[in-house]
């Protein structure tokens, strides 16, 4: 859907963090899109080159603590997810702020800020940060929402100083879950956390990246 078709899009609902659009692909054809984006920034209206270069709505982080003994653990959290009404096992994540997009490395800028807010974790020069995937669509049959996946390897012993007091707005957390390789494989095989609760696809991605060992490359 190129720029010439923007006028075919009708805004049905418009709030700060969520909008719903009717993508009219035919005179009587309606397709509804739940999006975080303003109308002129929708993925559907971007030209091909612009689409290929667009930034995601948010960044999800695979955070791995690696101690001096070589043992590695995946940092997960319990975050309240309103649509499912309970705390879910989650990877640290957050929306990209407008000013992040202007940074030299937008994905890393978002990752660093969100890790400080959600975990009280300030990265140092010893830590490694890399892009796993620049943009993944969450559920393109319903939304154009997207997340980048960033891997952060924290080279230090212990997790002293971790804190969730920086949560803002509607964010609610209930602690950290430092997960070893054996437990991560268990979560993957069972599709549930230690309490028998399902988790999101981004948590699955974090678990898979951890157990695959690709984060070592």
N, C-alpha and C. Protein backbone atom coordinates (compact mmCIF):
# COMPACT_ATOMS: atom_id res chain seq x y z
N UNK A 1 0.86 -1.19 0.00
CA UNK A 1 0.00 0.00 0.00
C UNK A 1 0.89 1.23 0.00
N UNK A 2 1.00 1.91 -1.10
CA UNK A 2 1.88 3.06 -1.24
C UNK A 2 1.23 4.32 -0.68
N UNK A 3 1.99 5.45 -0.74
CA UNK A 3 1.49 6.71 -0.19
C UNK A 3 0.17 7.12 -0.82
N UNK A 4 -0.04 6.80 -2.11
CA UNK A 4 -1.26 7.19 -2.79
C UNK A 4 -2.50 6.55 -2.19
N UNK A 5 -2.31 5.55 -1.36
CA UNK A 5 -3.44 4.84 -0.77
C UNK A 5 -3.68 5.22 0.69
N UNK A 6 -2.93 6.20 1.19
CA UNK A 6 -3.11 6.61 2.57
C UNK A 6 -4.54 7.06 2.85
N UNK A 7 -5.15 7.71 1.84
CA UNK A 7 -6.50 8.22 2.05
C UNK A 7 -7.52 7.10 2.21
N UNK A 8 -7.14 5.86 1.89
CA UNK A 8 -8.04 4.73 2.04
C UNK A 8 -8.04 4.18 3.47
N UNK A 9 -7.17 4.73 4.30
CA UNK A 9 -7.07 4.27 5.68
C UNK A 9 -7.91 5.15 6.59
N UNK A 10 -8.78 4.53 7.36
CA UNK A 10 -9.63 5.26 8.29
C UNK A 10 -9.20 4.95 9.73
N UNK A 11 -9.05 6.00 10.53
CA UNK A 11 -8.70 5.82 11.93
C UNK A 11 -9.96 5.55 12.74
N UNK A 12 -9.99 4.41 13.42
CA UNK A 12 -11.16 4.01 14.20
C UNK A 12 -10.98 4.28 15.70
N UNK A 13 -9.74 4.25 16.15
CA UNK A 13 -9.44 4.45 17.57
C UNK A 13 -8.05 5.03 17.67
N UNK A 14 -7.88 6.03 18.53
CA UNK A 14 -6.58 6.71 18.59
C UNK A 14 -6.26 7.12 20.03
N UNK A 15 -5.35 6.37 20.64
CA UNK A 15 -4.84 6.70 21.96
C UNK A 15 -3.32 6.68 21.90
N UNK A 16 -2.67 7.08 22.99
CA UNK A 16 -1.22 7.26 22.98
C UNK A 16 -0.46 5.99 22.60
N UNK A 17 -0.84 4.85 23.16
CA UNK A 17 -0.08 3.63 22.95
C UNK A 17 -0.77 2.62 22.03
N UNK A 18 -1.95 2.94 21.55
CA UNK A 18 -2.66 2.00 20.69
C UNK A 18 -3.62 2.72 19.76
N UNK A 19 -3.59 2.31 18.50
CA UNK A 19 -4.49 2.86 17.50
C UNK A 19 -5.07 1.70 16.69
N UNK A 20 -6.27 1.90 16.18
CA UNK A 20 -6.89 0.89 15.32
C UNK A 20 -7.29 1.55 14.01
N UNK A 21 -6.87 0.93 12.91
CA UNK A 21 -7.14 1.48 11.58
C UNK A 21 -7.93 0.49 10.74
N UNK A 22 -8.73 1.03 9.84
CA UNK A 22 -9.40 0.24 8.82
C UNK A 22 -8.62 0.41 7.52
N UNK A 23 -7.94 -0.64 7.09
CA UNK A 23 -7.18 -0.61 5.85
C UNK A 23 -8.12 -1.04 4.72
N UNK A 24 -8.72 -0.08 4.04
CA UNK A 24 -9.72 -0.38 3.02
C UNK A 24 -9.03 -0.78 1.72
N UNK A 25 -8.94 -2.07 1.49
CA UNK A 25 -8.23 -2.56 0.31
C UNK A 25 -9.14 -2.71 -0.90
N UNK A 26 -10.45 -2.51 -0.72
CA UNK A 26 -11.43 -2.56 -1.81
C UNK A 26 -12.64 -1.75 -1.37
N UNK A 27 -13.53 -1.37 -2.31
CA UNK A 27 -14.70 -0.55 -1.93
C UNK A 27 -15.48 -1.10 -0.75
N UNK A 28 -15.63 -2.41 -0.67
CA UNK A 28 -16.34 -3.01 0.46
C UNK A 28 -15.42 -3.94 1.26
N UNK A 29 -14.11 -3.79 1.06
CA UNK A 29 -13.15 -4.64 1.76
C UNK A 29 -12.51 -3.92 2.92
N UNK A 30 -12.61 -4.49 4.09
CA UNK A 30 -12.07 -3.86 5.31
C UNK A 30 -11.11 -4.82 6.00
N UNK A 31 -9.96 -4.31 6.38
CA UNK A 31 -9.00 -5.10 7.14
C UNK A 31 -8.52 -4.23 8.29
N UNK A 32 -8.67 -4.74 9.51
CA UNK A 32 -8.40 -3.93 10.70
C UNK A 32 -7.00 -4.21 11.25
N UNK A 33 -6.33 -3.14 11.59
CA UNK A 33 -4.96 -3.21 12.06
C UNK A 33 -4.83 -2.48 13.39
N UNK A 34 -4.41 -3.21 14.44
CA UNK A 34 -4.10 -2.60 15.73
C UNK A 34 -2.63 -2.23 15.72
N UNK A 35 -2.32 -0.97 15.95
CA UNK A 35 -0.95 -0.50 15.76
C UNK A 35 -0.55 0.50 16.84
N UNK A 36 0.75 0.62 17.06
CA UNK A 36 1.28 1.68 17.92
C UNK A 36 1.63 2.92 17.11
N UNK A 37 1.56 2.81 15.80
CA UNK A 37 2.07 3.84 14.91
C UNK A 37 1.02 4.87 14.51
N UNK A 38 1.51 6.10 14.26
CA UNK A 38 0.65 7.12 13.67
C UNK A 38 0.32 6.72 12.25
N UNK A 39 -0.72 7.29 11.71
CA UNK A 39 -1.23 6.90 10.39
C UNK A 39 -0.16 7.00 9.31
N UNK A 40 0.61 8.07 9.30
CA UNK A 40 1.60 8.24 8.24
C UNK A 40 2.86 7.41 8.45
N UNK A 41 2.93 6.68 9.57
CA UNK A 41 4.09 5.83 9.84
C UNK A 41 3.76 4.34 9.76
N UNK A 42 2.54 4.00 9.39
CA UNK A 42 2.14 2.60 9.29
C UNK A 42 3.02 1.85 8.31
N UNK A 43 3.30 0.60 8.62
CA UNK A 43 4.11 -0.22 7.72
C UNK A 43 3.42 -0.36 6.36
N UNK A 44 2.10 -0.38 6.36
CA UNK A 44 1.34 -0.62 5.14
C UNK A 44 1.48 0.50 4.11
N UNK A 45 1.83 1.70 4.53
CA UNK A 45 1.90 2.83 3.59
C UNK A 45 3.32 3.14 3.15
N UNK A 46 4.29 2.41 3.66
CA UNK A 46 5.68 2.71 3.34
C UNK A 46 6.06 2.18 1.96
N UNK A 47 6.87 2.95 1.24
CA UNK A 47 7.46 2.46 0.01
C UNK A 47 8.47 1.37 0.35
N UNK A 48 8.83 0.56 -0.64
CA UNK A 48 9.67 -0.61 -0.38
C UNK A 48 10.97 -0.27 0.33
N UNK A 49 11.70 0.72 -0.15
CA UNK A 49 12.98 1.07 0.46
C UNK A 49 12.80 1.59 1.88
N UNK A 50 11.76 2.39 2.08
CA UNK A 50 11.48 2.92 3.41
C UNK A 50 11.09 1.80 4.37
N UNK A 51 10.31 0.84 3.86
CA UNK A 51 9.89 -0.31 4.66
C UNK A 51 11.12 -1.10 5.14
N UNK A 52 12.07 -1.31 4.24
CA UNK A 52 13.25 -2.10 4.57
C UNK A 52 14.16 -1.43 5.59
N UNK A 53 14.03 -0.12 5.74
CA UNK A 53 14.90 0.63 6.64
C UNK A 53 14.20 1.07 7.92
N UNK A 54 12.92 0.71 8.09
CA UNK A 54 12.17 1.25 9.23
C UNK A 54 12.65 0.64 10.55
N UNK A 55 12.46 1.39 11.62
CA UNK A 55 12.83 0.95 12.96
C UNK A 55 11.64 0.26 13.63
N UNK A 56 11.91 -0.64 14.57
CA UNK A 56 10.81 -1.34 15.26
C UNK A 56 10.12 -0.45 16.28
N UNK A 57 8.99 -0.91 16.75
CA UNK A 57 8.27 -0.19 17.80
C UNK A 57 8.95 -0.35 19.16
N UNK A 58 9.59 -1.49 19.36
CA UNK A 58 10.15 -1.81 20.67
C UNK A 58 11.39 -2.68 20.52
N UNK A 59 12.09 -2.85 21.63
CA UNK A 59 13.28 -3.71 21.67
C UNK A 59 13.12 -4.70 22.82
N UNK A 60 13.28 -5.99 22.50
CA UNK A 60 13.29 -7.03 23.52
C UNK A 60 14.73 -7.52 23.69
N UNK A 61 15.11 -7.82 24.93
CA UNK A 61 16.51 -8.10 25.22
C UNK A 61 16.75 -9.49 25.80
N UNK A 62 17.71 -10.18 25.21
CA UNK A 62 18.20 -11.45 25.76
C UNK A 62 19.40 -11.08 26.62
N UNK A 63 19.23 -11.06 27.93
CA UNK A 63 20.29 -10.61 28.84
C UNK A 63 20.91 -11.82 29.53
N UNK A 64 22.20 -12.02 29.32
CA UNK A 64 22.90 -13.18 29.85
C UNK A 64 24.02 -12.73 30.78
N UNK A 65 23.97 -13.21 32.01
CA UNK A 65 25.03 -12.93 32.98
C UNK A 65 26.08 -14.04 32.88
N UNK A 66 27.30 -13.66 32.61
CA UNK A 66 28.39 -14.62 32.51
C UNK A 66 29.41 -14.33 33.60
N UNK A 67 29.59 -15.30 34.50
CA UNK A 67 30.51 -15.12 35.61
C UNK A 67 31.94 -15.46 35.23
N UNK A 68 32.86 -15.15 36.11
CA UNK A 68 34.27 -15.41 35.86
C UNK A 68 34.56 -16.91 35.77
N UNK A 69 33.66 -17.73 36.32
CA UNK A 69 33.82 -19.18 36.25
C UNK A 69 33.28 -19.76 34.94
N UNK A 70 32.76 -18.88 34.08
CA UNK A 70 32.25 -19.32 32.78
C UNK A 70 30.79 -19.71 32.78
N UNK A 71 30.19 -19.83 33.98
CA UNK A 71 28.77 -20.20 34.03
C UNK A 71 27.91 -19.03 33.55
N UNK A 72 26.91 -19.34 32.74
CA UNK A 72 26.02 -18.32 32.20
C UNK A 72 24.59 -18.56 32.64
N UNK A 73 23.87 -17.45 32.89
CA UNK A 73 22.47 -17.53 33.25
C UNK A 73 21.69 -16.45 32.52
N UNK A 74 20.47 -16.80 32.15
CA UNK A 74 19.59 -15.88 31.44
C UNK A 74 18.75 -15.09 32.43
N UNK A 75 18.73 -13.78 32.26
CA UNK A 75 17.95 -12.92 33.15
C UNK A 75 16.54 -12.75 32.60
N UNK A 76 15.56 -13.29 33.31
CA UNK A 76 14.15 -13.13 32.97
C UNK A 76 13.45 -12.39 34.10
N UNK A 77 12.29 -11.86 33.82
CA UNK A 77 11.51 -11.15 34.83
C UNK A 77 10.10 -11.70 34.87
N UNK A 78 9.38 -11.33 35.92
CA UNK A 78 7.94 -11.57 35.97
C UNK A 78 7.28 -10.21 35.80
N UNK A 79 6.62 -10.01 34.66
CA UNK A 79 5.97 -8.74 34.36
C UNK A 79 4.47 -8.94 34.16
N UNK A 80 3.69 -8.05 34.76
CA UNK A 80 2.23 -8.16 34.64
C UNK A 80 1.80 -7.76 33.24
N UNK A 81 1.06 -8.65 32.59
CA UNK A 81 0.57 -8.40 31.24
C UNK A 81 -0.95 -8.28 31.30
N UNK A 82 -1.43 -7.08 31.11
CA UNK A 82 -2.85 -6.79 31.30
C UNK A 82 -3.79 -7.62 30.43
N UNK A 83 -3.48 -7.84 29.13
CA UNK A 83 -4.42 -8.62 28.31
C UNK A 83 -4.63 -10.05 28.78
N UNK A 84 -3.66 -10.62 29.51
CA UNK A 84 -3.85 -11.98 30.02
C UNK A 84 -4.08 -11.99 31.53
N UNK A 85 -4.00 -10.84 32.16
CA UNK A 85 -4.41 -10.71 33.55
C UNK A 85 -3.52 -11.38 34.57
N UNK A 86 -2.23 -11.52 34.29
CA UNK A 86 -1.33 -12.16 35.26
C UNK A 86 0.13 -11.83 34.93
N UNK A 87 1.00 -12.19 35.88
CA UNK A 87 2.43 -12.00 35.66
C UNK A 87 2.95 -13.11 34.76
N UNK A 88 3.70 -12.75 33.72
CA UNK A 88 4.27 -13.71 32.80
C UNK A 88 5.79 -13.66 32.83
N UNK A 89 6.40 -14.81 32.63
CA UNK A 89 7.85 -14.88 32.49
C UNK A 89 8.24 -14.12 31.22
N UNK A 90 9.10 -13.12 31.36
CA UNK A 90 9.36 -12.20 30.26
C UNK A 90 10.84 -11.87 30.13
N UNK A 91 11.24 -11.49 28.93
CA UNK A 91 12.55 -10.88 28.74
C UNK A 91 12.37 -9.38 28.96
N UNK A 92 13.41 -8.68 29.42
CA UNK A 92 13.31 -7.22 29.52
C UNK A 92 13.01 -6.63 28.14
N UNK A 93 12.13 -5.64 28.11
CA UNK A 93 11.73 -5.06 26.83
C UNK A 93 11.14 -3.68 27.06
N UNK A 94 11.11 -2.90 26.00
CA UNK A 94 10.49 -1.58 26.12
C UNK A 94 10.33 -0.92 24.77
N UNK A 95 9.41 0.05 24.74
CA UNK A 95 9.15 0.79 23.52
C UNK A 95 10.30 1.72 23.18
N UNK A 96 10.50 1.92 21.89
CA UNK A 96 11.52 2.86 21.44
C UNK A 96 10.98 4.29 21.54
N UNK A 97 11.66 5.14 22.29
CA UNK A 97 11.27 6.54 22.40
C UNK A 97 11.65 7.30 21.13
N UNK A 98 10.94 8.37 20.80
CA UNK A 98 11.28 9.14 19.59
C UNK A 98 12.74 9.59 19.56
N UNK A 99 13.27 9.98 20.70
CA UNK A 99 14.66 10.45 20.72
C UNK A 99 15.65 9.30 20.50
N UNK A 100 15.24 8.05 20.80
CA UNK A 100 16.11 6.90 20.54
C UNK A 100 16.38 6.76 19.05
N UNK A 101 15.36 7.06 18.24
CA UNK A 101 15.49 6.91 16.79
C UNK A 101 16.55 7.83 16.21
N UNK A 102 16.86 8.91 16.91
CA UNK A 102 17.85 9.87 16.42
C UNK A 102 19.27 9.54 16.87
N UNK A 103 19.40 8.51 17.72
CA UNK A 103 20.72 8.13 18.22
C UNK A 103 21.53 7.43 17.13
N UNK A 104 22.83 7.34 17.33
CA UNK A 104 23.71 6.69 16.36
C UNK A 104 23.35 5.21 16.21
N UNK A 105 22.98 4.58 17.33
CA UNK A 105 22.56 3.18 17.32
C UNK A 105 21.23 3.08 18.06
N UNK A 106 20.12 3.30 17.38
CA UNK A 106 18.80 3.39 18.02
C UNK A 106 18.43 2.16 18.86
N UNK A 107 18.70 0.96 18.36
CA UNK A 107 18.31 -0.24 19.10
C UNK A 107 19.09 -0.36 20.41
N UNK A 108 20.37 -0.05 20.36
CA UNK A 108 21.19 -0.12 21.56
C UNK A 108 20.79 0.98 22.56
N UNK A 109 20.43 2.14 22.04
CA UNK A 109 20.00 3.24 22.91
C UNK A 109 18.76 2.84 23.70
N UNK A 110 17.79 2.24 23.01
CA UNK A 110 16.59 1.77 23.70
C UNK A 110 16.92 0.69 24.71
N UNK A 111 17.77 -0.26 24.32
CA UNK A 111 18.13 -1.36 25.20
C UNK A 111 18.80 -0.86 26.47
N UNK A 112 19.74 0.04 26.34
CA UNK A 112 20.45 0.57 27.52
C UNK A 112 19.49 1.29 28.46
N UNK A 113 18.61 2.12 27.90
CA UNK A 113 17.67 2.88 28.72
C UNK A 113 16.69 1.96 29.44
N UNK A 114 16.16 0.98 28.70
CA UNK A 114 15.17 0.09 29.30
C UNK A 114 15.78 -0.82 30.35
N UNK A 115 17.00 -1.25 30.16
CA UNK A 115 17.65 -2.08 31.18
C UNK A 115 17.86 -1.31 32.47
N UNK A 116 18.14 -0.03 32.36
CA UNK A 116 18.28 0.79 33.56
C UNK A 116 16.93 0.96 34.25
N UNK A 117 15.88 1.21 33.46
CA UNK A 117 14.55 1.43 34.03
C UNK A 117 13.98 0.16 34.65
N UNK A 118 14.10 -0.96 33.94
CA UNK A 118 13.42 -2.19 34.37
C UNK A 118 14.25 -3.07 35.28
N UNK A 119 15.58 -2.91 35.24
CA UNK A 119 16.43 -3.79 36.03
C UNK A 119 17.49 -3.06 36.85
N UNK A 120 17.57 -1.74 36.71
CA UNK A 120 18.61 -1.00 37.42
C UNK A 120 19.99 -1.40 36.95
N UNK A 121 20.09 -1.87 35.70
CA UNK A 121 21.33 -2.41 35.17
C UNK A 121 21.99 -1.42 34.23
N UNK A 122 23.15 -0.91 34.63
CA UNK A 122 23.92 0.01 33.80
C UNK A 122 25.03 -0.77 33.11
N UNK A 123 25.04 -0.76 31.79
CA UNK A 123 26.05 -1.50 31.06
C UNK A 123 27.40 -0.78 31.11
N UNK A 124 28.47 -1.56 31.07
CA UNK A 124 29.82 -1.01 31.10
C UNK A 124 30.56 -1.42 29.82
N UNK A 125 31.79 -0.97 29.69
CA UNK A 125 32.59 -1.30 28.51
C UNK A 125 32.92 -2.78 28.45
N UNK A 126 32.86 -3.47 29.59
CA UNK A 126 33.15 -4.91 29.61
C UNK A 126 32.00 -5.73 29.05
N UNK A 127 30.80 -5.18 29.05
CA UNK A 127 29.63 -5.91 28.59
C UNK A 127 29.51 -5.84 27.06
N UNK A 128 28.87 -6.85 26.48
CA UNK A 128 28.72 -6.92 25.03
C UNK A 128 27.26 -6.79 24.64
N UNK A 129 27.00 -6.02 23.61
CA UNK A 129 25.64 -5.83 23.12
C UNK A 129 25.64 -6.01 21.61
N UNK A 130 24.69 -6.78 21.11
CA UNK A 130 24.65 -7.08 19.68
C UNK A 130 23.20 -7.28 19.23
N UNK A 131 22.98 -7.15 17.94
CA UNK A 131 21.64 -7.32 17.38
C UNK A 131 21.44 -8.78 16.98
N UNK A 132 20.38 -9.37 17.49
CA UNK A 132 19.98 -10.72 17.09
C UNK A 132 19.09 -10.64 15.86
N UNK A 133 18.12 -9.73 15.89
CA UNK A 133 17.23 -9.52 14.75
C UNK A 133 16.76 -8.06 14.77
N UNK A 134 16.86 -7.34 13.65
CA UNK A 134 16.54 -5.92 13.65
C UNK A 134 15.06 -5.60 13.74
N UNK A 135 14.19 -6.53 13.31
CA UNK A 135 12.76 -6.25 13.37
C UNK A 135 11.97 -7.52 13.11
N UNK A 136 11.11 -7.87 14.05
CA UNK A 136 10.20 -9.01 13.93
C UNK A 136 8.77 -8.52 14.13
N UNK A 137 7.87 -8.89 13.24
CA UNK A 137 6.47 -8.54 13.43
C UNK A 137 5.84 -9.50 14.44
N UNK A 138 5.06 -8.95 15.36
CA UNK A 138 4.45 -9.75 16.42
C UNK A 138 3.40 -10.71 15.88
N UNK A 139 2.44 -10.19 15.15
CA UNK A 139 1.34 -10.98 14.60
C UNK A 139 0.76 -10.22 13.42
N UNK A 140 1.41 -10.29 12.24
CA UNK A 140 1.06 -9.42 11.12
C UNK A 140 -0.32 -9.66 10.52
N UNK A 141 -1.05 -10.66 11.01
CA UNK A 141 -2.43 -10.81 10.60
C UNK A 141 -3.37 -9.91 11.37
N UNK A 142 -2.86 -9.31 12.45
CA UNK A 142 -3.69 -8.45 13.30
C UNK A 142 -3.05 -7.10 13.56
N UNK A 143 -1.72 -7.03 13.50
CA UNK A 143 -1.03 -5.80 13.88
C UNK A 143 0.28 -5.65 13.12
N UNK A 144 0.74 -4.41 12.94
CA UNK A 144 2.08 -4.20 12.38
C UNK A 144 3.10 -3.93 13.48
N UNK A 145 2.72 -4.19 14.75
CA UNK A 145 3.66 -4.00 15.84
C UNK A 145 4.91 -4.86 15.63
N UNK A 146 6.07 -4.32 16.00
CA UNK A 146 7.31 -5.04 15.77
C UNK A 146 8.28 -4.83 16.93
N UNK A 147 9.15 -5.82 17.10
CA UNK A 147 10.22 -5.78 18.10
C UNK A 147 11.55 -6.13 17.46
N UNK A 148 12.59 -5.45 17.86
CA UNK A 148 13.94 -5.90 17.56
C UNK A 148 14.38 -6.80 18.71
N UNK A 149 15.30 -7.72 18.45
CA UNK A 149 15.87 -8.55 19.50
C UNK A 149 17.34 -8.18 19.64
N UNK A 150 17.72 -7.82 20.84
CA UNK A 150 19.10 -7.44 21.14
C UNK A 150 19.64 -8.38 22.22
N UNK A 151 20.87 -8.83 22.05
CA UNK A 151 21.51 -9.67 23.06
C UNK A 151 22.51 -8.85 23.86
N UNK A 152 22.44 -8.99 25.18
CA UNK A 152 23.37 -8.30 26.07
C UNK A 152 24.05 -9.35 26.95
N UNK A 153 25.36 -9.42 26.86
CA UNK A 153 26.14 -10.34 27.69
C UNK A 153 26.85 -9.52 28.76
N UNK A 154 26.46 -9.75 29.99
CA UNK A 154 26.99 -8.98 31.12
C UNK A 154 28.11 -9.78 31.77
N UNK A 155 29.31 -9.28 31.67
CA UNK A 155 30.49 -9.98 32.18
C UNK A 155 30.76 -9.57 33.63
N UNK A 156 30.14 -10.29 34.55
CA UNK A 156 30.37 -9.99 35.97
C UNK A 156 29.83 -11.11 36.84
N UNK A 157 30.33 -11.17 38.06
CA UNK A 157 29.87 -12.16 39.03
C UNK A 157 28.75 -11.56 39.86
N UNK A 158 27.67 -12.30 40.00
CA UNK A 158 26.57 -11.84 40.83
C UNK A 158 25.68 -10.83 40.13
N UNK A 159 24.54 -10.61 40.73
CA UNK A 159 23.55 -9.69 40.16
C UNK A 159 23.18 -8.60 41.16
N UNK A 160 24.14 -8.27 42.04
CA UNK A 160 23.88 -7.23 43.03
C UNK A 160 23.51 -5.92 42.34
N UNK A 161 22.55 -5.24 42.91
CA UNK A 161 22.15 -3.95 42.38
C UNK A 161 20.97 -4.00 41.44
N UNK A 162 20.55 -5.20 41.05
CA UNK A 162 19.37 -5.29 40.19
C UNK A 162 18.15 -4.78 40.93
N UNK A 163 17.34 -4.01 40.25
CA UNK A 163 16.17 -3.40 40.89
C UNK A 163 15.08 -3.15 39.86
N UNK A 164 13.83 -3.27 40.30
CA UNK A 164 12.69 -2.99 39.44
C UNK A 164 11.92 -1.75 39.90
N UNK A 165 12.58 -0.94 40.71
CA UNK A 165 11.93 0.27 41.23
C UNK A 165 11.80 1.35 40.18
N UNK A 166 12.48 1.18 39.04
CA UNK A 166 12.41 2.19 37.99
C UNK A 166 11.21 2.03 37.07
N UNK A 167 10.32 1.08 37.37
CA UNK A 167 9.13 0.87 36.55
C UNK A 167 8.30 2.14 36.49
N UNK A 168 7.78 2.45 35.32
CA UNK A 168 7.01 3.68 35.14
C UNK A 168 5.63 3.38 34.58
N UNK A 169 4.70 4.29 34.83
CA UNK A 169 3.36 4.17 34.27
C UNK A 169 2.66 2.91 34.70
N UNK A 170 2.18 2.14 33.74
CA UNK A 170 1.40 0.94 34.02
C UNK A 170 2.27 -0.30 34.23
N UNK A 171 3.60 -0.15 34.18
CA UNK A 171 4.48 -1.30 34.35
C UNK A 171 4.41 -1.84 35.78
N UNK A 172 4.30 -3.19 35.88
CA UNK A 172 4.27 -3.86 37.18
C UNK A 172 5.16 -5.10 37.08
N UNK A 173 6.08 -5.24 38.04
CA UNK A 173 6.99 -6.38 38.04
C UNK A 173 6.91 -7.14 39.37
N UNK A 174 7.33 -8.40 39.33
CA UNK A 174 7.31 -9.23 40.53
C UNK A 174 8.58 -10.07 40.61
N UNK A 175 9.70 -9.41 40.45
CA UNK A 175 10.98 -10.07 40.66
C UNK A 175 11.67 -10.57 39.40
N UNK A 176 12.93 -11.02 39.62
CA UNK A 176 13.75 -11.55 38.55
C UNK A 176 13.80 -13.07 38.64
N UNK A 177 14.03 -13.70 37.50
CA UNK A 177 14.20 -15.15 37.44
C UNK A 177 15.51 -15.42 36.71
N UNK A 178 16.57 -15.67 37.48
CA UNK A 178 17.88 -15.94 36.88
C UNK A 178 17.92 -17.43 36.52
N UNK A 179 18.00 -17.72 35.23
CA UNK A 179 17.72 -19.05 34.72
C UNK A 179 18.97 -19.72 34.15
N UNK A 180 19.31 -20.91 34.67
CA UNK A 180 20.45 -21.64 34.15
C UNK A 180 20.04 -22.45 32.92
N UNK A 181 21.02 -23.09 32.28
CA UNK A 181 20.77 -23.79 31.03
C UNK A 181 19.76 -24.93 31.20
N UNK A 182 19.88 -25.70 32.26
CA UNK A 182 18.98 -26.82 32.50
C UNK A 182 17.53 -26.35 32.65
N UNK A 183 17.34 -25.27 33.41
CA UNK A 183 15.99 -24.74 33.63
C UNK A 183 15.43 -24.14 32.36
N UNK A 184 16.27 -23.45 31.59
CA UNK A 184 15.82 -22.86 30.33
C UNK A 184 15.31 -23.94 29.38
N UNK A 185 16.01 -25.06 29.30
CA UNK A 185 15.57 -26.17 28.45
C UNK A 185 14.24 -26.73 28.95
N UNK A 186 14.08 -26.78 30.26
CA UNK A 186 12.82 -27.27 30.84
C UNK A 186 11.66 -26.37 30.44
N UNK A 187 11.86 -25.04 30.53
CA UNK A 187 10.81 -24.11 30.14
C UNK A 187 10.46 -24.28 28.65
N UNK A 188 11.48 -24.52 27.83
CA UNK A 188 11.24 -24.70 26.40
C UNK A 188 10.45 -25.96 26.11
N UNK A 189 10.83 -27.05 26.74
CA UNK A 189 10.17 -28.33 26.49
C UNK A 189 8.72 -28.33 26.98
N UNK A 190 8.48 -27.67 28.11
CA UNK A 190 7.14 -27.68 28.70
C UNK A 190 6.25 -26.56 28.18
N UNK A 191 6.86 -25.50 27.66
CA UNK A 191 6.07 -24.37 27.18
C UNK A 191 5.42 -23.59 28.31
N UNK A 192 5.92 -23.75 29.50
CA UNK A 192 5.39 -23.08 30.70
C UNK A 192 6.54 -22.72 31.63
N UNK A 193 6.26 -21.78 32.56
CA UNK A 193 7.28 -21.44 33.54
C UNK A 193 7.19 -22.37 34.74
N UNK A 194 7.92 -22.06 35.80
CA UNK A 194 7.94 -22.93 36.97
C UNK A 194 6.60 -23.03 37.66
N UNK A 195 5.71 -22.06 37.43
CA UNK A 195 4.38 -22.07 38.02
C UNK A 195 3.32 -22.65 37.08
N UNK A 196 3.77 -23.16 35.94
CA UNK A 196 2.83 -23.74 34.98
C UNK A 196 2.12 -22.73 34.12
N UNK A 197 2.65 -21.50 34.06
CA UNK A 197 2.01 -20.42 33.29
C UNK A 197 2.67 -20.30 31.92
N UNK A 198 1.84 -20.10 30.89
CA UNK A 198 2.36 -19.87 29.54
C UNK A 198 3.15 -18.56 29.49
N UNK A 199 3.99 -18.40 28.47
CA UNK A 199 4.77 -17.17 28.31
C UNK A 199 4.69 -16.70 26.87
N UNK A 200 5.28 -15.53 26.59
CA UNK A 200 5.16 -14.92 25.26
C UNK A 200 6.19 -15.50 24.28
N UNK A 201 5.95 -15.23 23.00
CA UNK A 201 6.87 -15.71 21.96
C UNK A 201 8.25 -15.07 22.11
N UNK A 202 8.32 -13.85 22.64
CA UNK A 202 9.62 -13.21 22.81
C UNK A 202 10.42 -13.86 23.94
N UNK A 203 9.73 -14.40 24.94
CA UNK A 203 10.42 -15.18 25.97
C UNK A 203 10.96 -16.46 25.36
N UNK A 204 10.18 -17.08 24.48
CA UNK A 204 10.63 -18.29 23.79
C UNK A 204 11.89 -18.00 22.96
N UNK A 205 11.89 -16.87 22.28
CA UNK A 205 13.07 -16.48 21.50
C UNK A 205 14.28 -16.32 22.41
N UNK A 206 14.09 -15.65 23.55
CA UNK A 206 15.19 -15.46 24.49
C UNK A 206 15.73 -16.78 25.01
N UNK A 207 14.84 -17.70 25.35
CA UNK A 207 15.25 -19.02 25.82
C UNK A 207 16.02 -19.77 24.73
N UNK A 208 15.51 -19.72 23.50
CA UNK A 208 16.16 -20.43 22.40
C UNK A 208 17.55 -19.87 22.10
N UNK A 209 17.66 -18.54 22.12
CA UNK A 209 18.96 -17.93 21.84
C UNK A 209 19.97 -18.32 22.91
N UNK A 210 19.51 -18.42 24.14
CA UNK A 210 20.37 -18.79 25.26
C UNK A 210 20.83 -20.24 25.14
N UNK A 211 19.89 -21.17 24.98
CA UNK A 211 20.26 -22.59 24.97
C UNK A 211 21.02 -22.97 23.70
N UNK A 212 20.83 -22.23 22.62
CA UNK A 212 21.53 -22.55 21.36
C UNK A 212 23.02 -22.27 21.45
N UNK A 213 23.41 -21.39 22.34
CA UNK A 213 24.81 -21.01 22.48
C UNK A 213 25.25 -20.01 21.44
N UNK A 214 24.32 -19.54 20.58
CA UNK A 214 24.70 -18.58 19.53
C UNK A 214 25.15 -17.25 20.11
N UNK A 215 24.76 -16.97 21.35
CA UNK A 215 25.15 -15.70 21.98
C UNK A 215 26.66 -15.64 22.21
N UNK A 216 27.33 -16.80 22.15
CA UNK A 216 28.77 -16.83 22.39
C UNK A 216 29.56 -16.33 21.17
N UNK A 217 28.94 -16.35 19.98
CA UNK A 217 29.64 -15.97 18.75
C UNK A 217 29.98 -14.49 18.71
